Amino acid sequence: MLIGEYEHSLDVKGRLIMPSKLRQDIGEKFIITKGLDGCLFVFSQNEWLNFETKLKSLPLSDKNARNFVRFFLSGATECEIDKQGRFLIPSNLRESAHLTKDAMIVGVGTRLEIWDKEIWKKCDEEISADEIAENMTMLGI
């Protein structure tokens, strides 16, 4: 399971270290794409296939569904971890997530999220567990 928070810095080429604790679960090759809330999503090959299957099932006749599919697939790219444990984040994805120097890799179960450190700090501070918990009953939690 992909869990935890890890802070790393991007090098001048836009490479980021994949924490060793996450490498086994994410795999040597994985998919990275634009995410929601201003971050990037990182999926293992298997999780990407599951996600892609769900995207393919959305109706082509629905404009919101088409835009949703475009959003995730247009920026998606396969990444590979090098011998030093780094992977290259393409420039278009770095720009999308406002990544410049310091980044946070956050495990959220079935995927990782990559955030600019300062944006993550703001987002994390705004999360109210009590407020969220009150709304989880409709999801069966």
C-alpha atoms as a PDB file:
ATOM      1  CA  MET A   1       0.000   0.000   0.000  1.00  0.00           C
ATOM      2  CA  LEU A   2       1.261   3.473  -0.871  1.00  0.00           C
ATOM      3  CA  ILE A   3       1.285   5.535   2.316  1.00  0.00           C
ATOM      4  CA  GLY A   4       3.302   8.258   4.005  1.00  0.00           C
ATOM      5  CA  GLU A   5       4.800  11.659   3.207  1.00  0.00           C
ATOM      6  CA  TYR A   6       8.278  12.065   1.754  1.00  0.00           C
ATOM      7  CA  GLU A   7      10.124  15.307   1.075  1.00  0.00           C
ATOM      8  CA  HIS A   8      12.683  15.484  -1.743  1.00  0.00           C
ATOM      9  CA  SER A   9      14.117  18.121  -4.042  1.00  0.00           C
ATOM     10  CA  LEU A  10      14.021  18.105  -7.822  1.00  0.00           C
ATOM     11  CA  ASP A  11      17.414  18.300  -9.466  1.00  0.00           C
ATOM     12  CA  VAL A  12      18.203  20.762 -12.273  1.00  0.00           C
ATOM     13  CA  LYS A  13      16.973  18.263 -14.897  1.00  0.00           C
ATOM     14  CA  GLY A  14      13.595  17.810 -13.191  1.00  0.00           C
ATOM     15  CA  ARG A  15      14.349  14.423 -11.653  1.00  0.00           C
ATOM     16  CA  LEU A  16      12.960  13.371  -8.301  1.00  0.00           C
ATOM     17  CA  ILE A  17      14.006  10.509  -6.026  1.00  0.00           C
ATOM     18  CA  MET A  18      11.409   7.793  -5.520  1.00  0.00           C
ATOM     19  CA  PRO A  19      11.590   6.854  -1.835  1.00  0.00           C
ATOM     20  CA  SER A  20      12.883   3.305  -1.399  1.00  0.00           C
ATOM     21  CA  LYS A  21       9.869   2.398   0.779  1.00  0.00           C
ATOM     22  CA  LEU A  22       7.576   3.076  -2.206  1.00  0.00           C
ATOM     23  CA  ARG A  23       9.607   1.487  -5.021  1.00  0.00           C
ATOM     24  CA  GLN A  24       8.365  -2.055  -4.534  1.00  0.00           C
ATOM     25  CA  ASP A  25       4.696  -1.066  -4.623  1.00  0.00           C
ATOM     26  CA  ILE A  26       4.946   1.494  -7.439  1.00  0.00           C
ATOM     27  CA  GLY A  27       7.319  -0.626  -9.559  1.00  0.00           C
ATOM     28  CA  GLU A  28      10.328   0.311 -11.682  1.00  0.00           C
ATOM     29  CA  LYS A  29       8.019   1.673 -14.403  1.00  0.00           C
ATOM     30  CA  PHE A  30       4.893   3.633 -13.626  1.00  0.00           C
ATOM     31  CA  ILE A  31       2.522   6.239 -15.047  1.00  0.00           C
ATOM     32  CA  ILE A  32       2.501   9.885 -14.022  1.00  0.00           C
ATOM     33  CA  THR A  33      -0.193  12.349 -15.070  1.00  0.00           C
ATOM     34  CA  LYS A  34      -1.923  15.559 -14.083  1.00  0.00           C
ATOM     35  CA  GLY A  35      -3.867  15.113 -10.877  1.00  0.00           C
ATOM     36  CA  LEU A  36      -6.606  16.968  -9.087  1.00  0.00           C
ATOM     37  CA  ASP A  37      -6.161  19.825  -6.608  1.00  0.00           C
ATOM     38  CA  GLY A  38      -2.903  20.977  -8.219  1.00  0.00           C
ATOM     39  CA  CYS A  39      -0.795  17.855  -7.794  1.00  0.00           C
ATOM     40  CA  LEU A  40       0.396  15.027 -10.031  1.00  0.00           C
ATOM     41  CA  PHE A  41      -0.950  11.481  -9.788  1.00  0.00           C
ATOM     42  CA  VAL A  42       1.423   8.505  -9.972  1.00  0.00           C
ATOM     43  CA  PHE A  43       0.008   5.031 -10.671  1.00  0.00           C
ATOM     44  CA  SER A  44       1.680   1.627 -10.760  1.00  0.00           C
ATOM     45  CA  GLN A  45       1.217  -0.150 -14.097  1.00  0.00           C
ATOM     46  CA  ASN A  46      -1.597  -2.314 -12.631  1.00  0.00           C
ATOM     47  CA  GLU A  47      -3.418   0.586 -10.973  1.00  0.00           C
ATOM     48  CA  TRP A  48      -3.132   2.600 -14.185  1.00  0.00           C
ATOM     49  CA  LEU A  49      -4.806  -0.219 -16.140  1.00  0.00           C
ATOM     50  CA  ASN A  50      -7.661  -0.234 -13.587  1.00  0.00           C
ATOM     51  CA  PHE A  51      -8.006   3.550 -13.821  1.00  0.00           C
ATOM     52  CA  GLU A  52      -7.799   3.525 -17.617  1.00  0.00           C
ATOM     53  CA  THR A  53     -10.525   0.869 -17.773  1.00  0.00           C
ATOM     54  CA  LYS A  54     -12.807   3.133 -15.729  1.00  0.00           C
ATOM     55  CA  LEU A  55     -12.027   6.069 -18.017  1.00  0.00           C
ATOM     56  CA  LYS A  56     -12.801   3.972 -21.097  1.00  0.00           C
ATOM     57  CA  SER A  57     -16.224   3.102 -19.674  1.00  0.00           C
ATOM     58  CA  LEU A  58     -17.298   6.759 -19.513  1.00  0.00           C
ATOM     59  CA  PRO A  59     -19.847   7.774 -22.178  1.00  0.00           C
ATOM     60  CA  LEU A  60     -18.416   9.562 -25.231  1.00  0.00           C
ATOM     61  CA  SER A  61     -21.697  11.414 -25.558  1.00  0.00           C
ATOM     62  CA  ASP A  62     -21.098  13.277 -22.269  1.00  0.00           C
ATOM     63  CA  LYS A  63     -18.932  16.387 -22.623  1.00  0.00           C
ATOM     64  CA  ASN A  64     -17.815  16.325 -18.957  1.00  0.00           C
ATOM     65  CA  ALA A  65     -16.753  12.702 -19.343  1.00  0.00           C
ATOM     66  CA  ARG A  66     -14.757  13.509 -22.502  1.00  0.00           C
ATOM     67  CA  ASN A  67     -13.027  16.404 -20.743  1.00  0.00           C
ATOM     68  CA  PHE A  68     -12.289  14.217 -17.723  1.00  0.00           C
ATOM     69  CA  VAL A  69     -10.661  11.578 -19.943  1.00  0.00           C
ATOM     70  CA  ARG A  70      -8.691  14.234 -21.853  1.00  0.00           C
ATOM     71  CA  PHE A  71      -7.456  15.775 -18.625  1.00  0.00           C
ATOM     72  CA  PHE A  72      -5.901  12.555 -17.358  1.00  0.00           C
ATOM     73  CA  LEU A  73      -4.748  10.928 -20.596  1.00  0.00           C
ATOM     74  CA  SER A  74      -3.314  13.931 -22.442  1.00  0.00           C
ATOM     75  CA  GLY A  75      -0.519  14.469 -19.939  1.00  0.00           C
ATOM     76  CA  ALA A  76       0.072  10.853 -18.981  1.00  0.00           C
ATOM     77  CA  THR A  77       3.521   9.435 -19.501  1.00  0.00           C
ATOM     78  CA  GLU A  78       5.413   6.335 -18.481  1.00  0.00           C
ATOM     79  CA  CYS A  79       8.352   6.941 -16.154  1.00  0.00           C
ATOM     80  CA  GLU A  80      11.190   4.659 -15.154  1.00  0.00           C
ATOM     81  CA  ILE A  81      13.361   4.718 -12.052  1.00  0.00           C
ATOM     82  CA  ASP A  82      17.084   4.994 -12.821  1.00  0.00           C
ATOM     83  CA  LYS A  83      19.941   3.293 -10.951  1.00  0.00           C
ATOM     84  CA  GLN A  84      20.078   6.190  -8.453  1.00  0.00           C
ATOM     85  CA  GLY A  85      16.365   5.830  -7.643  1.00  0.00           C
ATOM     86  CA  ARG A  86      15.352   8.947  -9.598  1.00  0.00           C
ATOM     87  CA  PHE A  87      12.728   9.510 -12.263  1.00  0.00           C
ATOM     88  CA  LEU A  88      12.236  12.400 -14.672  1.00  0.00           C
ATOM     89  CA  ILE A  89       9.067  14.465 -14.398  1.00  0.00           C
ATOM     90  CA  PRO A  90       8.365  15.939 -17.850  1.00  0.00           C
ATOM     91  CA  SER A  91       8.388  19.740 -17.995  1.00  0.00           C
ATOM     92  CA  ASN A  92       4.679  20.012 -18.880  1.00  0.00           C
ATOM     93  CA  LEU A  93       3.781  18.067 -15.727  1.00  0.00           C
ATOM     94  CA  ARG A  94       6.221  20.042 -13.570  1.00  0.00           C
ATOM     95  CA  GLU A  95       4.558  23.236 -14.808  1.00  0.00           C
ATOM     96  CA  SER A  96       1.079  21.818 -14.210  1.00  0.00           C
ATOM     97  CA  ALA A  97       1.894  21.114 -10.538  1.00  0.00           C
ATOM     98  CA  HIS A  98       4.067  24.251 -10.061  1.00  0.00           C
ATOM     99  CA  LEU A  99       7.049  22.073  -9.162  1.00  0.00           C
ATOM    100  CA  THR A 100      10.296  23.992  -8.998  1.00  0.00           C
ATOM    101  CA  LYS A 101      12.576  22.761  -6.202  1.00  0.00           C
ATOM    102  CA  ASP A 102      11.079  21.156  -3.096  1.00  0.00           C
ATOM    103  CA  ALA A 103       8.429  18.485  -3.556  1.00  0.00           C
ATOM    104  CA  MET A 104       6.332  16.189  -1.415  1.00  0.00           C
ATOM    105  CA  ILE A 105       5.493  12.642  -2.445  1.00  0.00           C
ATOM    106  CA  VAL A 106       2.336  11.589  -0.649  1.00  0.00           C
ATOM    107  CA  GLY A 107       0.997   8.038  -0.560  1.00  0.00           C
ATOM    108  CA  VAL A 108      -2.785   7.836  -0.759  1.00  0.00           C
ATOM    109  CA  GLY A 109      -3.398   4.092  -0.974  1.00  0.00           C
ATOM    110  CA  THR A 110      -3.637   3.135  -4.629  1.00  0.00           C
ATOM    111  CA  ARG A 111      -1.576   6.012  -6.011  1.00  0.00           C
ATOM    112  CA  LEU A 112       1.002   8.612  -5.103  1.00  0.00           C
ATOM    113  CA  GLU A 113       0.545  12.348  -5.337  1.00  0.00           C
ATOM    114  CA  ILE A 114       3.419  14.719  -6.044  1.00  0.00           C
ATOM    115  CA  TRP A 115       2.994  18.240  -4.696  1.00  0.00           C
ATOM    116  CA  ASP A 116       5.024  21.405  -4.582  1.00  0.00           C
ATOM    117  CA  LYS A 117       6.058  21.507  -0.910  1.00  0.00           C
ATOM    118  CA  GLU A 118       4.500  24.907  -0.142  1.00  0.00           C
ATOM    119  CA  ILE A 119       1.221  24.066  -1.902  1.00  0.00           C
ATOM    120  CA  TRP A 120       1.077  20.760   0.013  1.00  0.00           C
ATOM    121  CA  LYS A 121       1.616  22.532   3.333  1.00  0.00           C
ATOM    122  CA  LYS A 122      -1.317  24.876   2.614  1.00  0.00           C
ATOM    123  CA  CYS A 123      -3.556  22.032   1.457  1.00  0.00           C
ATOM    124  CA  ASP A 124      -2.642  19.865   4.443  1.00  0.00           C
ATOM    125  CA  GLU A 125      -3.369  22.720   6.872  1.00  0.00           C
ATOM    126  CA  GLU A 126      -6.823  23.206   5.337  1.00  0.00           C
ATOM    127  CA  ILE A 127      -7.820  19.575   5.802  1.00  0.00           C
ATOM    128  CA  SER A 128     -10.188  19.223   8.732  1.00  0.00           C
ATOM    129  CA  ALA A 129     -10.594  15.575   9.697  1.00  0.00           C
ATOM    130  CA  ASP A 130     -13.679  16.378  11.791  1.00  0.00           C
ATOM    131  CA  GLU A 131     -15.372  18.175   8.904  1.00  0.00           C
ATOM    132  CA  ILE A 132     -14.545  15.394   6.470  1.00  0.00           C
ATOM    133  CA  ALA A 133     -15.714  12.704   8.907  1.00  0.00           C
ATOM    134  CA  GLU A 134     -19.135  14.328   9.157  1.00  0.00           C
ATOM    135  CA  ASN A 135     -19.598  13.866   5.406  1.00  0.00           C
ATOM    136  CA  MET A 136     -18.272  10.304   5.167  1.00  0.00           C
ATOM    137  CA  THR A 137     -21.466   8.616   6.324  1.00  0.00           C
ATOM    138  CA  MET A 138     -22.934   9.118   2.856  1.00  0.00           C
ATOM    139  CA  LEU A 139     -20.017   7.069   1.519  1.00  0.00           C
ATOM    140  CA  GLY A 140     -20.609   4.296   4.042  1.00  0.00           C
ATOM    141  CA  ILE A 141     -17.617   5.101   6.232  1.00  0.00           C
END
